[in-house]
Amino acid sequence: MPLLIQNRALDRITSTGELFDRHPHLKENARTFRSQPLVYVDPKCLLYVQQREFAATTPADKSVSVIGSGDATTCHFVVLRHTGSGAVCLAHCDGSCTWSEIPLIVKAVTSLSNVSKEGRLELHLAGGFNDESKTSHKLSLNILAAFQKQKEEIHLETCCITEMNDIVVDGNHSPVVYGIGVNVTTGDVFPSSFTHKGPAEELRSARTFTGGQMADIYDSSRGLVKIGPCSWSPNLDIGFWLSQEDDTILKYLSTSPLAEPPHFVQHMKTTIQFLLEHPSSDNLFPGGQPQLYHRSERGDWERAV
C-alpha cells in the first residue's frame, strides 16, 4: 500500500521540496514541531537508541516510558506507532541500508499489535538539514520511498526533515532538532536532549563504528536491553586518530563537520579508545551471548547476570 497523507496516497516525488509544496500542512506541522521547547528526559524512564539501532515497546512496559535518540545531523529519526495497540518503535537511520531497515521497523510494531484491533499505523519523521552534499535529502527520499513499498497502510503525520529542519547560523547550515523522544503511553513525539546514552554506550558506538548493521536492542516482553553479540577485527591503525586535531577528525569522520554537536570529537575518541582496549570483541560476549541489561530498583540499567 502507498504511504498516506491525510488519507490520500502519496504520489511519486523527486524532492522533499515537492513533498512540502504539495502538502503545505506538513510544512506547518514541521514548524510547530521544531519550535517546541526541548524536553530533558529522566534517565530512569528512558530507553536510548543510538545510531543504526531501533527499539519497540508498548504502553504495558513497566521499564520504559520514553524511547529517545539524539546526536543526528544528516541522520533521520523514524517513529512508527499503532494507534490501537499503542505499540511504538523509534529508529535512528543513517542511510547505510534503508531499504532493508524500514521493513524491520514495520515488523517491530505490527508484531506487538493485535492485527484485529482498531487503529492505524502513524509515521513521524525528523532529522537531516540542508547539508552541502545533499546526504540528508537523499536519505529523506529513500525513507519515504521505502515506506511506500510496504504492504501496510501507513499515515505520515510529522515530517520535520531536511529543509524543514534547517537553520543557518553564521552562514552555516545545521539542524534545528538534533534529538527526539516519544512517550510510550501517549504517543507524543517531541524534540529532546539526552545526557544519558547507555547502557553500554561505548560498546554500542564501537559496533556502529566498525560497520554493524541496524540492530533491535530491546526485548519488551522481558524489559531487557540486548547488545550483540557483534564482532570486529583488530585494527591498531585507528589509534592514529587519537593524535589528530579536532578539525581533522571532524573533516574525515563526520558527514557534516560544521553541524556536529560540541561533544562529537570526544565521542569519536572515546569510541576509538574502546576499540583499542578491546581489539577483539570475543571477551565482551562470553559464550557468544549478548550482553543483557535490566532496569534496577534505582532506575539504572544494570547488567543482568
Protein backbone atom coordinates (compact mmCIF):
# COMPACT_ATOMS: atom_id res chain seq x y z
CA MET A 1 0.00 0.00 0.00
CA PRO A 2 1.17 3.54 -0.59
CA LEU A 3 2.14 5.96 2.13
CA LEU A 4 -0.89 8.07 3.03
CA ILE A 5 -1.10 11.78 3.77
CA GLN A 6 -4.47 12.99 5.06
CA ASN A 7 -5.88 9.62 3.93
CA ARG A 8 -4.72 10.12 0.35
CA ALA A 9 -1.94 8.18 -1.32
CA LEU A 10 1.37 9.97 -1.71
CA ASP A 11 2.29 10.26 -5.37
CA ARG A 12 5.85 9.78 -6.53
CA ILE A 13 8.07 12.72 -5.61
CA THR A 14 11.55 13.68 -6.76
CA SER A 15 12.43 16.10 -3.96
CA THR A 16 11.44 16.97 -0.42
CA GLY A 17 10.59 20.45 -1.69
CA GLU A 18 7.98 18.89 -3.96
CA LEU A 19 6.53 17.00 -0.98
CA PHE A 20 6.13 20.16 1.08
CA ASP A 21 4.74 22.15 -1.86
CA ARG A 22 2.05 19.53 -2.44
CA HIS A 23 1.25 19.16 1.25
CA PRO A 24 1.68 22.56 2.94
CA HIS A 25 0.14 21.29 6.19
CA LEU A 26 3.25 19.09 6.62
CA LYS A 27 5.35 22.25 6.44
CA GLU A 28 3.21 23.90 9.13
CA ASN A 29 3.34 20.78 11.30
CA ALA A 30 7.14 20.74 10.97
CA ARG A 31 7.40 24.38 12.02
CA THR A 32 5.24 23.65 15.05
CA PHE A 33 7.27 20.56 15.92
CA ARG A 34 10.68 22.21 15.73
CA SER A 35 9.51 25.24 17.74
CA GLN A 36 8.63 23.12 20.78
CA PRO A 37 10.93 23.53 23.79
CA LEU A 38 13.47 20.75 24.31
CA VAL A 39 12.38 18.06 26.76
CA TYR A 40 15.11 16.72 29.04
CA VAL A 41 14.13 13.12 29.75
CA ASP A 42 14.72 11.47 33.12
CA PRO A 43 17.20 8.62 32.50
CA LYS A 44 15.21 6.43 34.91
CA CYS A 45 12.36 6.12 32.42
CA LEU A 46 14.40 6.36 29.20
CA LEU A 47 15.44 3.80 26.62
CA TYR A 48 18.11 5.48 24.49
CA VAL A 49 18.60 4.41 20.87
CA GLN A 50 21.96 5.03 19.21
CA GLN A 51 22.78 5.37 15.52
CA ARG A 52 21.82 2.29 13.49
CA GLU A 53 19.61 0.91 16.27
CA PHE A 54 15.88 0.61 16.87
CA ALA A 55 13.67 -0.31 19.80
CA ALA A 56 9.97 -1.07 20.12
CA THR A 57 7.62 -1.48 23.07
CA THR A 58 4.03 -0.98 24.26
CA PRO A 59 2.31 1.05 27.00
CA ALA A 60 2.30 -2.12 29.14
CA ASP A 61 6.07 -1.79 29.57
CA LYS A 62 6.97 -1.13 33.22
CA SER A 63 10.63 -0.33 32.48
CA VAL A 64 10.39 2.26 29.69
CA SER A 65 8.10 5.27 29.35
CA VAL A 66 10.15 7.23 26.78
CA ILE A 67 12.22 5.99 23.84
CA GLY A 68 14.67 8.62 22.65
CA SER A 69 17.62 9.25 20.37
CA GLY A 70 19.92 12.17 19.65
CA ASP A 71 23.10 13.49 18.02
CA ALA A 72 21.66 13.34 14.49
CA THR A 73 22.85 15.69 11.78
CA THR A 74 22.22 14.06 8.39
CA CYS A 75 20.70 11.00 10.12
CA HIS A 76 16.92 10.68 10.44
CA PHE A 77 14.69 9.55 13.30
CA VAL A 78 11.81 7.27 12.39
CA VAL A 79 8.91 6.79 14.81
CA LEU A 80 6.16 4.36 13.86
CA ARG A 81 3.18 3.82 16.15
CA HIS A 82 -0.04 1.81 16.04
CA THR A 83 -2.81 3.96 17.48
CA GLY A 84 -4.86 0.96 18.58
CA SER A 85 -2.30 -1.11 20.46
CA GLY A 86 -0.03 1.80 21.34
CA ALA A 87 2.97 -0.23 20.14
CA VAL A 88 5.72 2.16 19.08
CA CYS A 89 9.17 1.90 17.53
CA LEU A 90 11.93 4.50 17.27
CA ALA A 91 14.85 4.03 14.87
CA HIS A 92 17.97 6.11 14.20
CA CYS A 93 18.68 5.72 10.47
CA ASP A 94 21.90 6.84 8.77
CA GLY A 95 21.25 5.61 5.23
CA SER A 96 23.51 2.58 5.49
CA CYS A 97 20.80 0.15 4.35
CA THR A 98 17.45 1.97 4.35
CA TRP A 99 15.56 -0.47 2.14
CA SER A 100 16.18 -3.41 4.47
CA GLU A 101 15.75 -1.35 7.66
CA ILE A 102 12.25 0.03 7.10
CA PRO A 103 10.61 -3.45 6.95
CA LEU A 104 12.26 -4.25 10.31
CA ILE A 105 10.68 -1.15 11.85
CA VAL A 106 7.24 -2.00 10.46
CA LYS A 107 7.50 -5.61 11.67
CA ALA A 108 8.60 -4.47 15.13
CA VAL A 109 5.34 -2.53 15.55
CA THR A 110 2.94 -4.94 13.83
CA SER A 111 4.31 -7.90 15.80
CA LEU A 112 3.39 -6.07 19.03
CA SER A 113 -0.07 -5.10 17.76
CA ASN A 114 -3.22 -7.18 17.63
CA VAL A 115 -4.00 -7.15 13.91
CA SER A 116 -7.74 -7.20 14.59
CA LYS A 117 -7.55 -4.21 16.91
CA GLU A 118 -8.85 -0.87 15.73
CA GLY A 119 -6.32 1.81 14.93
CA ARG A 120 -3.79 2.65 12.27
CA LEU A 121 -0.05 2.96 11.73
CA GLU A 122 1.20 6.54 12.05
CA LEU A 123 4.64 7.72 10.96
CA HIS A 124 6.71 10.59 12.33
CA LEU A 125 9.99 11.62 10.67
CA ALA A 126 12.57 14.12 11.91
CA GLY A 127 16.19 14.89 11.14
CA GLY A 128 18.57 15.98 8.45
CA PHE A 129 19.18 19.51 7.18
CA ASN A 130 20.32 21.33 4.04
CA ASP A 131 23.82 19.87 4.05
CA GLU A 132 26.15 20.68 1.17
CA SER A 133 26.49 17.09 -0.03
CA LYS A 134 22.70 16.54 -0.05
CA THR A 135 23.12 13.47 2.16
CA SER A 136 20.03 14.42 4.18
CA HIS A 137 17.91 14.94 1.08
CA LYS A 138 18.84 11.54 -0.35
CA LEU A 139 18.06 9.82 2.94
CA SER A 140 14.70 11.62 3.23
CA LEU A 141 13.66 10.40 -0.22
CA ASN A 142 14.88 6.85 0.41
CA ILE A 143 12.97 6.56 3.69
CA LEU A 144 9.77 7.86 2.10
CA ALA A 145 10.20 5.53 -0.89
CA ALA A 146 10.87 2.53 1.36
CA PHE A 147 7.67 3.17 3.33
CA GLN A 148 5.82 3.45 0.01
CA LYS A 149 6.83 -0.16 -0.70
CA GLN A 150 5.34 -1.62 2.49
CA LYS A 151 2.14 -3.64 2.28
CA GLU A 152 0.59 -1.91 5.30
CA GLU A 153 -1.26 1.40 5.14
CA ILE A 154 0.96 3.94 6.90
CA HIS A 155 -0.13 7.51 7.62
CA LEU A 156 2.55 10.23 7.55
CA GLU A 157 1.78 12.65 10.39
CA THR A 158 5.02 14.51 11.15
CA CYS A 159 7.71 15.30 8.58
CA CYS A 160 10.32 17.64 10.08
CA ILE A 161 13.11 16.64 7.70
CA THR A 162 15.89 18.22 5.63
CA GLU A 163 14.90 21.80 4.66
CA MET A 164 12.17 21.91 7.32
CA ASN A 165 14.75 21.03 9.98
CA ASP A 166 17.34 23.54 8.75
CA ILE A 167 18.69 26.70 10.32
CA VAL A 168 21.53 28.97 9.19
CA VAL A 169 23.88 30.24 11.90
CA ASP A 170 26.89 32.40 10.99
CA GLY A 171 26.48 31.34 7.38
CA ASN A 172 26.49 27.61 8.17
CA HIS A 173 23.52 25.26 7.82
CA SER A 174 22.71 22.94 10.73
CA PRO A 175 19.71 21.03 12.10
CA VAL A 176 17.16 22.66 14.37
CA VAL A 177 16.25 19.36 16.02
CA TYR A 178 19.17 17.06 16.92
CA GLY A 179 17.20 14.63 19.09
CA ILE A 180 13.66 13.39 19.71
CA GLY A 181 11.71 11.34 22.20
CA VAL A 182 8.40 9.50 22.06
CA ASN A 183 6.14 9.00 25.06
CA VAL A 184 5.26 5.31 25.04
CA THR A 185 1.91 5.85 26.79
CA THR A 186 0.55 8.84 24.87
CA GLY A 187 2.45 8.55 21.59
CA ASP A 188 3.54 12.19 21.79
CA VAL A 189 6.72 12.89 19.81
CA PHE A 190 8.88 15.84 20.88
CA PRO A 191 12.32 17.44 20.40
CA SER A 192 14.60 16.23 23.15
CA SER A 193 18.10 16.26 24.57
CA PHE A 194 19.85 13.49 26.49
CA THR A 195 22.71 13.35 28.95
CA HIS A 196 22.49 9.58 29.48
CA LYS A 197 23.02 7.37 26.42
CA GLY A 198 23.52 3.96 27.98
CA PRO A 199 23.62 1.22 28.78
CA ALA A 200 26.93 0.09 27.23
CA GLU A 201 27.30 3.36 25.32
CA GLU A 202 30.90 2.74 24.22
CA LEU A 203 30.25 -0.85 23.13
CA ARG A 204 27.25 0.18 21.06
CA SER A 205 29.18 3.04 19.46
CA ALA A 206 32.01 0.64 18.64
CA ARG A 207 29.56 -1.74 16.96
CA THR A 208 28.33 1.03 14.67
CA PHE A 209 31.83 2.45 14.05
CA THR A 210 33.04 -0.96 12.84
CA GLY A 211 30.17 -1.38 10.37
CA GLY A 212 27.46 -3.10 12.39
CA GLN A 213 24.06 -3.11 10.69
CA MET A 214 20.72 -1.89 12.07
CA ALA A 215 20.03 -3.76 15.32
CA ASP A 216 16.97 -4.30 17.51
CA ILE A 217 18.23 -3.54 21.02
CA TYR A 218 15.17 -4.23 23.19
CA ASP A 219 13.08 -7.20 24.29
CA SER A 220 9.91 -5.54 25.57
CA SER A 221 8.42 -8.83 26.81
CA ARG A 222 11.23 -9.11 29.37
CA GLY A 223 12.23 -5.46 29.76
CA LEU A 224 15.76 -6.23 28.63
CA VAL A 225 18.22 -4.18 26.58
CA LYS A 226 20.23 -6.64 24.50
CA ILE A 227 23.53 -5.73 22.87
CA GLY A 228 25.26 -8.01 20.37
CA PRO A 229 26.90 -10.31 20.01
CA CYS A 230 28.88 -8.41 17.43
CA SER A 231 32.40 -8.77 16.10
CA TRP A 232 35.22 -6.69 14.71
CA SER A 233 38.80 -7.34 13.68
CA PRO A 234 41.81 -5.85 15.49
CA ASN A 235 42.82 -2.58 13.87
CA LEU A 236 45.60 -0.78 15.71
CA ASP A 237 45.85 1.76 12.88
CA ILE A 238 42.80 3.60 14.20
CA GLY A 239 44.96 4.84 17.07
CA PHE A 240 46.23 7.36 14.51
CA TRP A 241 43.09 9.43 15.05
CA LEU A 242 43.76 10.00 18.74
CA SER A 243 46.71 12.26 17.92
CA GLN A 244 44.89 14.31 15.29
CA GLU A 245 43.48 17.82 15.63
CA ASP A 246 39.75 18.16 16.23
CA ASP A 247 39.22 19.76 12.81
CA THR A 248 40.86 16.77 11.11
CA ILE A 249 38.63 14.30 12.96
CA LEU A 250 35.56 16.32 12.04
CA LYS A 251 36.61 16.55 8.40
CA TYR A 252 37.15 12.84 7.88
CA LEU A 253 34.86 11.11 10.40
CA SER A 254 31.70 13.19 10.02
CA THR A 255 29.17 13.56 7.22
CA SER A 256 28.60 17.16 8.33
CA PRO A 257 31.68 18.66 10.06
CA LEU A 258 30.22 22.14 10.55
CA ALA A 259 26.99 20.90 12.11
CA GLU A 260 28.14 18.33 14.67
CA PRO A 261 27.30 18.83 18.35
CA PRO A 262 30.22 20.00 20.55
CA HIS A 263 30.89 16.55 22.02
CA PHE A 264 31.29 14.77 18.66
CA VAL A 265 35.10 14.69 18.63
CA GLN A 266 35.36 13.44 22.21
CA HIS A 267 32.75 10.79 21.44
CA MET A 268 34.78 9.56 18.46
CA LYS A 269 37.99 9.47 20.52
CA THR A 270 36.26 7.53 23.31
CA THR A 271 34.92 5.01 20.79
CA ILE A 272 38.34 4.55 19.19
CA GLN A 273 39.97 4.15 22.61
CA PHE A 274 37.39 1.46 23.47
CA LEU A 275 38.26 -0.42 20.27
CA LEU A 276 41.98 -0.21 21.05
CA GLU A 277 41.33 -1.59 24.54
CA HIS A 278 39.16 -4.37 23.07
CA PRO A 279 40.88 -5.33 19.78
CA SER A 280 38.67 -8.43 19.70
CA SER A 281 35.04 -8.41 20.77
CA ASP A 282 35.07 -12.08 21.83
CA ASN A 283 35.72 -11.39 25.51
CA LEU A 284 32.78 -8.97 25.60
CA PHE A 285 30.31 -11.72 24.72
CA PRO A 286 31.17 -14.85 26.72
CA GLY A 287 29.85 -17.95 25.02
CA GLY A 288 28.74 -15.83 22.07
CA GLN A 289 25.81 -14.50 24.11
CA PRO A 290 24.51 -10.91 24.03
CA GLN A 291 25.02 -8.51 26.90
CA LEU A 292 21.69 -8.07 28.71
CA TYR A 293 20.64 -5.15 30.89
CA HIS A 294 17.55 -4.72 33.05
CA ARG A 295 16.15 -1.77 34.97
CA SER A 296 17.34 -1.82 38.58
CA GLU A 297 15.31 -0.67 41.58
CA ARG A 298 17.32 2.58 41.45
CA GLY A 299 16.17 3.14 37.88
CA ASP A 300 19.54 2.47 36.22
CA TRP A 301 20.20 -0.09 33.52
CA GLU A 302 22.35 -2.78 35.12
CA ARG A 303 23.96 -5.89 33.65
CA ALA A 304 21.77 -8.96 34.03
CA VAL A 305 23.66 -11.98 35.33
